[in-house]
PDB file of all heavy atoms in Angstrom:
ATOM      1  N   ILE A   1       0.840  -1.199   0.000  1.00  0.00           N
ATOM      2  CA  ILE A   1       0.000   0.000   0.000  1.00  0.00           C
ATOM      3  C   ILE A   1       0.878   1.253   0.000  1.00  0.00           C
ATOM      4  O   ILE A   1       1.859   1.342   0.740  1.00  0.00           O
ATOM      5  CB  ILE A   1      -0.923   0.013   1.241  1.00  0.00           C
ATOM      6  CG1 ILE A   1      -1.814  -1.228   1.273  1.00  0.00           C
ATOM      7  CG2 ILE A   1      -1.751   1.298   1.310  1.00  0.00           C
ATOM      8  CD1 ILE A   1      -2.871  -1.283   0.214  1.00  0.00           C
ATOM      9  N   LYS A   2       0.494   2.219  -0.823  1.00  0.00           N
ATOM     10  CA  LYS A   2       1.181   3.513  -0.843  1.00  0.00           C
ATOM     11  C   LYS A   2       0.731   4.297   0.389  1.00  0.00           C
ATOM     12  O   LYS A   2      -0.351   4.870   0.399  1.00  0.00           O
ATOM     13  CB  LYS A   2       0.821   4.278  -2.116  1.00  0.00           C
ATOM     14  CG  LYS A   2       1.609   5.574  -2.281  1.00  0.00           C
ATOM     15  CD  LYS A   2       1.075   6.453  -3.396  1.00  0.00           C
ATOM     16  CE  LYS A   2       1.096   5.788  -4.740  1.00  0.00           C
ATOM     17  NZ  LYS A   2       0.700   6.697  -5.832  1.00  0.00           N
ATOM     18  N   ALA A   3       1.560   4.285   1.440  1.00  0.00           N
ATOM     19  CA  ALA A   3       1.136   4.896   2.705  1.00  0.00           C
ATOM     20  C   ALA A   3       2.217   5.758   3.335  1.00  0.00           C
ATOM     21  O   ALA A   3       2.110   6.113   4.498  1.00  0.00           O
ATOM     22  CB  ALA A   3       0.722   3.797   3.684  1.00  0.00           C
ATOM     23  N   SER A   4       3.259   6.074   2.582  1.00  0.00           N
ATOM     24  CA  SER A   4       4.340   6.841   3.200  1.00  0.00           C
ATOM     25  C   SER A   4       4.962   7.787   2.182  1.00  0.00           C
ATOM     26  O   SER A   4       4.595   7.787   1.009  1.00  0.00           O
ATOM     27  CB  SER A   4       5.416   5.887   3.731  1.00  0.00           C
ATOM     28  OG  SER A   4       6.136   5.321   2.653  1.00  0.00           O
ATOM     29  N   ALA A   5       5.946   8.516   2.644  1.00  0.00           N
ATOM     30  CA  ALA A   5       6.667   9.437   1.770  1.00  0.00           C
ATOM     31  C   ALA A   5       7.423   8.687   0.673  1.00  0.00           C
ATOM     32  O   ALA A   5       7.813   9.274  -0.323  1.00  0.00           O
ATOM     33  CB  ALA A   5       7.648  10.271   2.595  1.00  0.00           C
ATOM     34  N   LEU A   6       7.582   7.387   0.832  1.00  0.00           N
ATOM     35  CA  LEU A   6       8.289   6.584  -0.166  1.00  0.00           C
ATOM     36  C   LEU A   6       7.358   6.054  -1.247  1.00  0.00           C
ATOM     37  O   LEU A   6       7.760   5.241  -2.074  1.00  0.00           O
ATOM     38  CB  LEU A   6       9.038   5.438   0.520  1.00  0.00           C
ATOM     39  CG  LEU A   6      10.116   5.885   1.514  1.00  0.00           C
ATOM     40  CD1 LEU A   6      10.734   4.683   2.210  1.00  0.00           C
ATOM     41  CD2 LEU A   6      11.188   6.710   0.813  1.00  0.00           C
ATOM     42  N   GLU A   7       6.097   6.502  -1.244  1.00  0.00           N
ATOM     43  CA  GLU A   7       5.129   6.193  -2.299  1.00  0.00           C
ATOM     44  C   GLU A   7       4.865   4.702  -2.474  1.00  0.00           C
ATOM     45  O   GLU A   7       4.535   4.251  -3.574  1.00  0.00           O
ATOM     46  CB  GLU A   7       5.582   6.805  -3.633  1.00  0.00           C
ATOM     47  CG  GLU A   7       5.683   8.321  -3.608  1.00  0.00           C
ATOM     48  CD  GLU A   7       4.337   8.991  -3.411  1.00  0.00           C
ATOM     49  OE1 GLU A   7       3.388   8.667  -4.138  1.00  0.00           O
ATOM     50  OE2 GLU A   7       4.236   9.847  -2.517  1.00  0.00           O
ATOM     51  N   GLY A   8       5.045   3.918  -1.417  1.00  0.00           N
ATOM     52  CA  GLY A   8       4.754   2.495  -1.474  1.00  0.00           C
ATOM     53  C   GLY A   8       5.937   1.610  -1.813  1.00  0.00           C
ATOM     54  O   GLY A   8       5.841   0.385  -1.744  1.00  0.00           O
ATOM     55  N   MET A   9       7.070   2.202  -2.181  1.00  0.00           N
ATOM     56  CA  MET A   9       8.253   1.394  -2.492  1.00  0.00           C
ATOM     57  C   MET A   9       8.734   0.619  -1.266  1.00  0.00           C
ATOM     58  O   MET A   9       9.190  -0.521  -1.392  1.00  0.00           O
ATOM     59  CB  MET A   9       9.383   2.269  -3.040  1.00  0.00           C
ATOM     60  CG  MET A   9       9.157   2.713  -4.469  1.00  0.00           C
ATOM     61  SD  MET A   9       8.955   1.338  -5.644  1.00  0.00           S
ATOM     62  CE  MET A   9      10.557   0.564  -5.540  1.00  0.00           C
ATOM     63  N   ASP A  10       8.625   1.218  -0.090  1.00  0.00           N
ATOM     64  CA  ASP A  10       9.013   0.524   1.135  1.00  0.00           C
ATOM     65  C   ASP A  10       8.137  -0.703   1.345  1.00  0.00           C
ATOM     66  O   ASP A  10       8.626  -1.804   1.633  1.00  0.00           O
ATOM     67  CB  ASP A  10       8.950   1.453   2.347  1.00  0.00           C
ATOM     68  CG  ASP A  10       7.654   2.262   2.431  1.00  0.00           C
ATOM     69  OD1 ASP A  10       6.865   2.290   1.468  1.00  0.00           O
ATOM     70  OD2 ASP A  10       7.436   2.901   3.478  1.00  0.00           O
ATOM     71  N   ALA A  11       6.838  -0.552   1.142  1.00  0.00           N
ATOM     72  CA  ALA A  11       5.912  -1.672   1.301  1.00  0.00           C
ATOM     73  C   ALA A  11       6.148  -2.730   0.225  1.00  0.00           C
ATOM     74  O   ALA A  11       6.094  -3.933   0.505  1.00  0.00           O
ATOM     75  CB  ALA A  11       4.471  -1.169   1.243  1.00  0.00           C
ATOM     76  N   LEU A  12       6.403  -2.303  -1.001  1.00  0.00           N
ATOM     77  CA  LEU A  12       6.668  -3.251  -2.081  1.00  0.00           C
ATOM     78  C   LEU A  12       7.885  -4.103  -1.752  1.00  0.00           C
ATOM     79  O   LEU A  12       7.845  -5.338  -1.840  1.00  0.00           O
ATOM     80  CB  LEU A  12       6.876  -2.512  -3.403  1.00  0.00           C
ATOM     81  CG  LEU A  12       7.283  -3.386  -4.592  1.00  0.00           C
ATOM     82  CD1 LEU A  12       6.182  -4.377  -4.945  1.00  0.00           C
ATOM     83  CD2 LEU A  12       7.630  -2.515  -5.789  1.00  0.00           C
ATOM     84  N   LEU A  13       8.965  -3.458  -1.366  1.00  0.00           N
ATOM     85  CA  LEU A  13      10.186  -4.210  -1.075  1.00  0.00           C
ATOM     86  C   LEU A  13      10.008  -5.125   0.132  1.00  0.00           C
ATOM     87  O   LEU A  13      10.510  -6.253   0.129  1.00  0.00           O
ATOM     88  CB  LEU A  13      11.360  -3.244  -0.877  1.00  0.00           C
ATOM     89  CG  LEU A  13      11.756  -2.470  -2.137  1.00  0.00           C
ATOM     90  CD1 LEU A  13      12.804  -1.421  -1.828  1.00  0.00           C
ATOM     91  CD2 LEU A  13      12.222  -3.410  -3.232  1.00  0.00           C
ATOM     92  N   SER A  14       9.284  -4.681   1.141  1.00  0.00           N
ATOM     93  CA  SER A  14       9.023  -5.537   2.302  1.00  0.00           C
ATOM     94  C   SER A  14       8.198  -6.757   1.921  1.00  0.00           C
ATOM     95  O   SER A  14       8.395  -7.840   2.467  1.00  0.00           O
ATOM     96  CB  SER A  14       8.284  -4.758   3.393  1.00  0.00           C
ATOM     97  OG  SER A  14       9.103  -3.760   3.932  1.00  0.00           O
ATOM     98  N   THR A  15       7.291  -6.589   0.979  1.00  0.00           N
ATOM     99  CA  THR A  15       6.390  -7.677   0.600  1.00  0.00           C
ATOM    100  C   THR A  15       7.069  -8.686  -0.322  1.00  0.00           C
ATOM    101  O   THR A  15       6.851  -9.889  -0.186  1.00  0.00           O
ATOM    102  CB  THR A  15       5.121  -7.112  -0.057  1.00  0.00           C
ATOM    103  OG1 THR A  15       4.536  -6.141   0.812  1.00  0.00           O
ATOM    104  CG2 THR A  15       4.092  -8.198  -0.316  1.00  0.00           C
ATOM    105  N   VAL A  16       7.896  -8.231  -1.240  1.00  0.00           N
ATOM    106  CA  VAL A  16       8.513  -9.159  -2.191  1.00  0.00           C
ATOM    107  C   VAL A  16       9.764  -9.844  -1.659  1.00  0.00           C
ATOM    108  O   VAL A  16      10.150 -10.887  -2.166  1.00  0.00           O
ATOM    109  CB  VAL A  16       8.841  -8.504  -3.563  1.00  0.00           C
ATOM    110  CG1 VAL A  16       7.593  -7.982  -4.221  1.00  0.00           C
ATOM    111  CG2 VAL A  16       9.897  -7.442  -3.438  1.00  0.00           C
ATOM    112  N   GLN A  17      10.393  -9.295  -0.644  1.00  0.00           N
ATOM    113  CA  GLN A  17      11.662  -9.846  -0.159  1.00  0.00           C
ATOM    114  C   GLN A  17      11.457 -10.908   0.915  1.00  0.00           C
ATOM    115  O   GLN A  17      11.945 -10.801   2.026  1.00  0.00           O
ATOM    116  CB  GLN A  17      12.551  -8.715   0.379  1.00  0.00           C
ATOM    117  CG  GLN A  17      13.002  -7.736  -0.667  1.00  0.00           C
ATOM    118  CD  GLN A  17      13.905  -8.372  -1.718  1.00  0.00           C
ATOM    119  OE1 GLN A  17      14.636  -9.308  -1.469  1.00  0.00           O
ATOM    120  NE2 GLN A  17      13.845  -7.835  -2.930  1.00  0.00           N
ATOM    121  N   MET A  18      10.750 -11.970   0.558  1.00  0.00           N
ATOM    122  CA  MET A  18      10.493 -13.056   1.504  1.00  0.00           C
ATOM    123  C   MET A  18      11.614 -14.091   1.428  1.00  0.00           C
ATOM    124  O   MET A  18      12.143 -14.354   0.353  1.00  0.00           O
ATOM    125  CB  MET A  18       9.146 -13.710   1.199  1.00  0.00           C
ATOM    126  CG  MET A  18       7.951 -12.807   1.450  1.00  0.00           C
ATOM    127  SD  MET A  18       7.845 -12.226   3.151  1.00  0.00           S
ATOM    128  CE  MET A  18       7.682 -13.775   4.000  1.00  0.00           C
ATOM    129  N   PRO A  19      11.934 -14.698   2.567  1.00  0.00           N
ATOM    130  CA  PRO A  19      12.983 -15.725   2.550  1.00  0.00           C
ATOM    131  C   PRO A  19      12.486 -17.003   1.876  1.00  0.00           C
ATOM    132  O   PRO A  19      11.282 -17.264   1.838  1.00  0.00           O
ATOM    133  CB  PRO A  19      13.264 -15.965   4.035  1.00  0.00           C
ATOM    134  CG  PRO A  19      12.007 -15.585   4.730  1.00  0.00           C
ATOM    135  CD  PRO A  19      11.409 -14.467   3.910  1.00  0.00           C
ATOM    136  N   ALA A  20      13.427 -17.789   1.375  1.00  0.00           N
ATOM    137  CA  ALA A  20      13.084 -19.062   0.738  1.00  0.00           C
ATOM    138  C   ALA A  20      12.257 -19.910   1.698  1.00  0.00           C
ATOM    139  O   ALA A  20      12.542 -19.979   2.894  1.00  0.00           O
ATOM    140  CB  ALA A  20      14.357 -19.800   0.338  1.00  0.00           C
ATOM    141  N   GLY A  21      11.200 -20.506   1.174  1.00  0.00           N
ATOM    142  CA  GLY A  21      10.344 -21.370   1.980  1.00  0.00           C
ATOM    143  C   GLY A  21       9.087 -20.710   2.497  1.00  0.00           C
ATOM    144  O   GLY A  21       8.171 -21.380   2.955  1.00  0.00           O
ATOM    145  N   ILE A  22       9.013 -19.382   2.429  1.00  0.00           N
ATOM    146  CA  ILE A  22       7.830 -18.638   2.880  1.00  0.00           C
ATOM    147  C   ILE A  22       7.409 -17.705   1.739  1.00  0.00           C
ATOM    148  O   ILE A  22       7.656 -16.506   1.774  1.00  0.00           O
ATOM    149  CB  ILE A  22       8.103 -17.824   4.172  1.00  0.00           C
ATOM    150  CG1 ILE A  22       8.749 -18.677   5.257  1.00  0.00           C
ATOM    151  CG2 ILE A  22       6.807 -17.176   4.675  1.00  0.00           C
ATOM    152  CD1 ILE A  22       7.845 -19.777   5.808  1.00  0.00           C
ATOM    153  N   PRO A  23       6.769 -18.257   0.698  1.00  0.00           N
ATOM    154  CA  PRO A  23       6.422 -17.420  -0.452  1.00  0.00           C
ATOM    155  C   PRO A  23       5.219 -16.514  -0.199  1.00  0.00           C
ATOM    156  O   PRO A  23       4.303 -16.880   0.534  1.00  0.00           O
ATOM    157  CB  PRO A  23       6.087 -18.441  -1.543  1.00  0.00           C
ATOM    158  CG  PRO A  23       5.611 -19.641  -0.800  1.00  0.00           C
ATOM    159  CD  PRO A  23       6.388 -19.667   0.495  1.00  0.00           C
ATOM    160  N   VAL A  24       5.288 -15.347  -0.805  1.00  0.00           N
ATOM    161  CA  VAL A  24       4.156 -14.419  -0.860  1.00  0.00           C
ATOM    162  C   VAL A  24       4.083 -13.922  -2.302  1.00  0.00           C
ATOM    163  O   VAL A  24       5.050 -13.344  -2.810  1.00  0.00           O
ATOM    164  CB  VAL A  24       4.339 -13.215   0.096  1.00  0.00           C
ATOM    165  CG1 VAL A  24       3.268 -12.155  -0.157  1.00  0.00           C
ATOM    166  CG2 VAL A  24       4.310 -13.662   1.551  1.00  0.00           C
ATOM    167  N   ALA A  25       2.972 -14.189  -2.964  1.00  0.00           N
ATOM    168  CA  ALA A  25       2.764 -13.609  -4.293  1.00  0.00           C
ATOM    169  C   ALA A  25       2.490 -12.130  -4.075  1.00  0.00           C
ATOM    170  O   ALA A  25       1.764 -11.765  -3.154  1.00  0.00           O
ATOM    171  CB  ALA A  25       1.575 -14.278  -4.979  1.00  0.00           C
ATOM    172  N   THR A  26       3.081 -11.283  -4.883  1.00  0.00           N
ATOM    173  CA  THR A  26       2.947  -9.846  -4.676  1.00  0.00           C
ATOM    174  C   THR A  26       2.448  -9.172  -5.938  1.00  0.00           C
ATOM    175  O   THR A  26       2.955  -9.440  -7.026  1.00  0.00           O
ATOM    176  CB  THR A  26       4.305  -9.233  -4.269  1.00  0.00           C
ATOM    177  OG1 THR A  26       4.823  -9.971  -3.162  1.00  0.00           O
ATOM    178  CG2 THR A  26       4.162  -7.777  -3.885  1.00  0.00           C
ATOM    179  N   VAL A  27       1.450  -8.308  -5.778  1.00  0.00           N
ATOM    180  CA  VAL A  27       0.938  -7.526  -6.900  1.00  0.00           C
ATOM    181  C   VAL A  27       1.503  -6.116  -6.807  1.00  0.00           C
ATOM    182  O   VAL A  27       2.242  -5.788  -5.880  1.00  0.00           O
ATOM    183  CB  VAL A  27      -0.609  -7.527  -6.924  1.00  0.00           C
ATOM    184  CG1 VAL A  27      -1.142  -8.945  -7.154  1.00  0.00           C
ATOM    185  CG2 VAL A  27      -1.189  -6.932  -5.653  1.00  0.00           C
ATOM    186  N   ALA A  28       1.144  -5.284  -7.733  1.00  0.00           N
ATOM    187  CA  ALA A  28       1.635  -3.907  -7.781  1.00  0.00           C
ATOM    188  C   ALA A  28       1.198  -3.106  -6.556  1.00  0.00           C
ATOM    189  O   ALA A  28       0.257  -3.473  -5.852  1.00  0.00           O
ATOM    190  CB  ALA A  28       1.104  -3.217  -9.041  1.00  0.00           C
ATOM    191  N   ILE A  29       1.864  -2.012  -6.322  1.00  0.00           N
ATOM    192  CA  ILE A  29       1.481  -1.084  -5.261  1.00  0.00           C
ATOM    193  C   ILE A  29       0.026  -0.678  -5.505  1.00  0.00           C
ATOM    194  O   ILE A  29      -0.339  -0.275  -6.617  1.00  0.00           O
ATOM    195  CB  ILE A  29       2.402   0.153  -5.253  1.00  0.00           C
ATOM    196  CG1 ILE A  29       3.836  -0.268  -4.917  1.00  0.00           C
ATOM    197  CG2 ILE A  29       1.894   1.203  -4.256  1.00  0.00           C
ATOM    198  CD1 ILE A  29       4.876   0.810  -5.167  1.00  0.00           C
TER     199      ILE A  29
END
């Protein structure tokens, strides 16, 4: 979600950077 001064890039990177074995499919901001 775009919820900060970083326009959602912080949330995007937090969501896509999952460790091996714990997948999360991620859609656009």
